[in-house]
Amino acid sequence: MSWFLCLKSFNVRITSGFMGIMPLSGLLASYFWLGNQFYWIHHVGFALVLGGIVMVNWAHWIRKEEAKRTQQEYTQFHACPC
């Protein structure tokens, strides 16, 4: 429930990034608290999630700068076609 309350309070860019971080935090917790083994493929998963977060933030930044340059209104909900 607290997750949904936070969604209303923060920017979409921030909350979308945390949606990708939640599985990562679960995986890290399984290593440290449960003693699960770490495999090389997990590095690929970490890189994909973090790369996705960077790409979404970069796309929003580009659209925001473009809107500022052309003096148009910028809304974060229409920054990306997805």
Protein backbone atom coordinates (compact mmCIF):
# COMPACT_ATOMS: atom_id res chain seq x y z
CA MET A 1 0.00 0.00 0.00
CA SER A 2 2.83 2.41 0.78
CA TRP A 3 4.16 1.84 -2.76
CA PHE A 4 0.95 3.18 -4.28
CA LEU A 5 0.92 6.16 -1.94
CA CYS A 6 4.46 7.00 -3.03
CA LEU A 7 3.48 6.73 -6.70
CA LYS A 8 1.21 9.73 -6.28
CA SER A 9 3.93 11.79 -4.60
CA PHE A 10 6.88 11.33 -6.96
CA ASN A 11 7.75 11.95 -10.59
CA VAL A 12 7.01 9.15 -13.06
CA ARG A 13 10.71 8.91 -13.98
CA ILE A 14 11.65 8.15 -10.39
CA THR A 15 8.94 5.57 -9.76
CA SER A 16 9.52 3.76 -13.06
CA GLY A 17 13.17 3.35 -12.15
CA PHE A 18 12.26 1.76 -8.86
CA MET A 19 10.01 -0.74 -10.63
CA GLY A 20 13.18 -2.16 -12.19
CA ILE A 21 15.16 -1.95 -8.96
CA MET A 22 12.68 -4.02 -6.95
CA PRO A 23 13.66 -7.36 -8.57
CA LEU A 24 17.33 -6.41 -8.23
CA SER A 25 16.93 -5.77 -4.53
CA GLY A 26 15.22 -9.15 -4.14
CA LEU A 27 18.08 -10.85 -5.94
CA LEU A 28 20.68 -9.09 -3.79
CA ALA A 29 18.76 -9.99 -0.64
CA SER A 30 18.77 -13.64 -1.70
CA TYR A 31 22.56 -13.54 -2.02
CA PHE A 32 23.28 -11.90 1.31
CA TRP A 33 20.50 -13.22 3.53
CA LEU A 34 19.75 -16.61 1.99
CA GLY A 35 23.22 -17.46 0.74
CA ASN A 36 22.21 -18.20 -2.86
CA GLN A 37 24.98 -18.61 -5.41
CA PHE A 38 25.81 -15.73 -7.78
CA TYR A 39 26.06 -16.61 -11.49
CA TRP A 40 27.61 -14.58 -14.31
CA ILE A 41 24.26 -14.23 -16.09
CA HIS A 42 23.04 -12.13 -13.16
CA HIS A 43 25.49 -9.42 -14.29
CA VAL A 44 23.63 -9.32 -17.59
CA GLY A 45 20.33 -8.85 -15.79
CA PHE A 46 21.75 -6.06 -13.63
CA ALA A 47 23.13 -4.32 -16.71
CA LEU A 48 19.83 -4.60 -18.59
CA VAL A 49 17.77 -3.17 -15.74
CA LEU A 50 20.16 -0.31 -15.04
CA GLY A 51 20.54 0.36 -18.78
CA GLY A 52 16.76 0.55 -19.11
CA ILE A 53 16.54 3.06 -16.27
CA VAL A 54 19.24 5.20 -17.87
CA MET A 55 17.56 5.04 -21.29
CA VAL A 56 14.15 6.10 -19.94
CA ASN A 57 15.64 9.02 -18.03
CA TRP A 58 17.72 10.04 -21.03
CA ALA A 59 14.67 9.98 -23.32
CA HIS A 60 12.72 12.18 -20.91
CA TRP A 61 15.64 14.61 -20.64
CA ILE A 62 15.96 14.84 -24.45
CA ARG A 63 12.22 15.51 -24.88
CA LYS A 64 12.24 18.08 -22.10
CA GLU A 65 15.17 19.94 -23.66
CA GLU A 66 13.51 19.79 -27.09
CA ALA A 67 10.28 21.22 -25.67
CA LYS A 68 12.23 23.98 -23.94
CA ARG A 69 14.10 24.80 -27.17
CA THR A 70 10.91 24.98 -29.25
CA GLN A 71 9.02 26.71 -26.39
CA GLN A 72 6.34 24.04 -26.21
CA GLU A 73 4.71 22.60 -23.16
CA TYR A 74 6.45 19.51 -21.83
CA THR A 75 4.49 16.75 -20.14
CA GLN A 76 6.33 13.74 -18.81
CA PHE A 77 3.51 11.43 -19.87
CA HIS A 78 4.11 12.08 -23.57
CA ALA A 79 7.91 12.06 -23.55
CA CYS A 80 8.24 8.61 -25.09
CA PRO A 81 6.05 6.75 -27.58
CA CYS A 82 5.86 3.78 -25.22
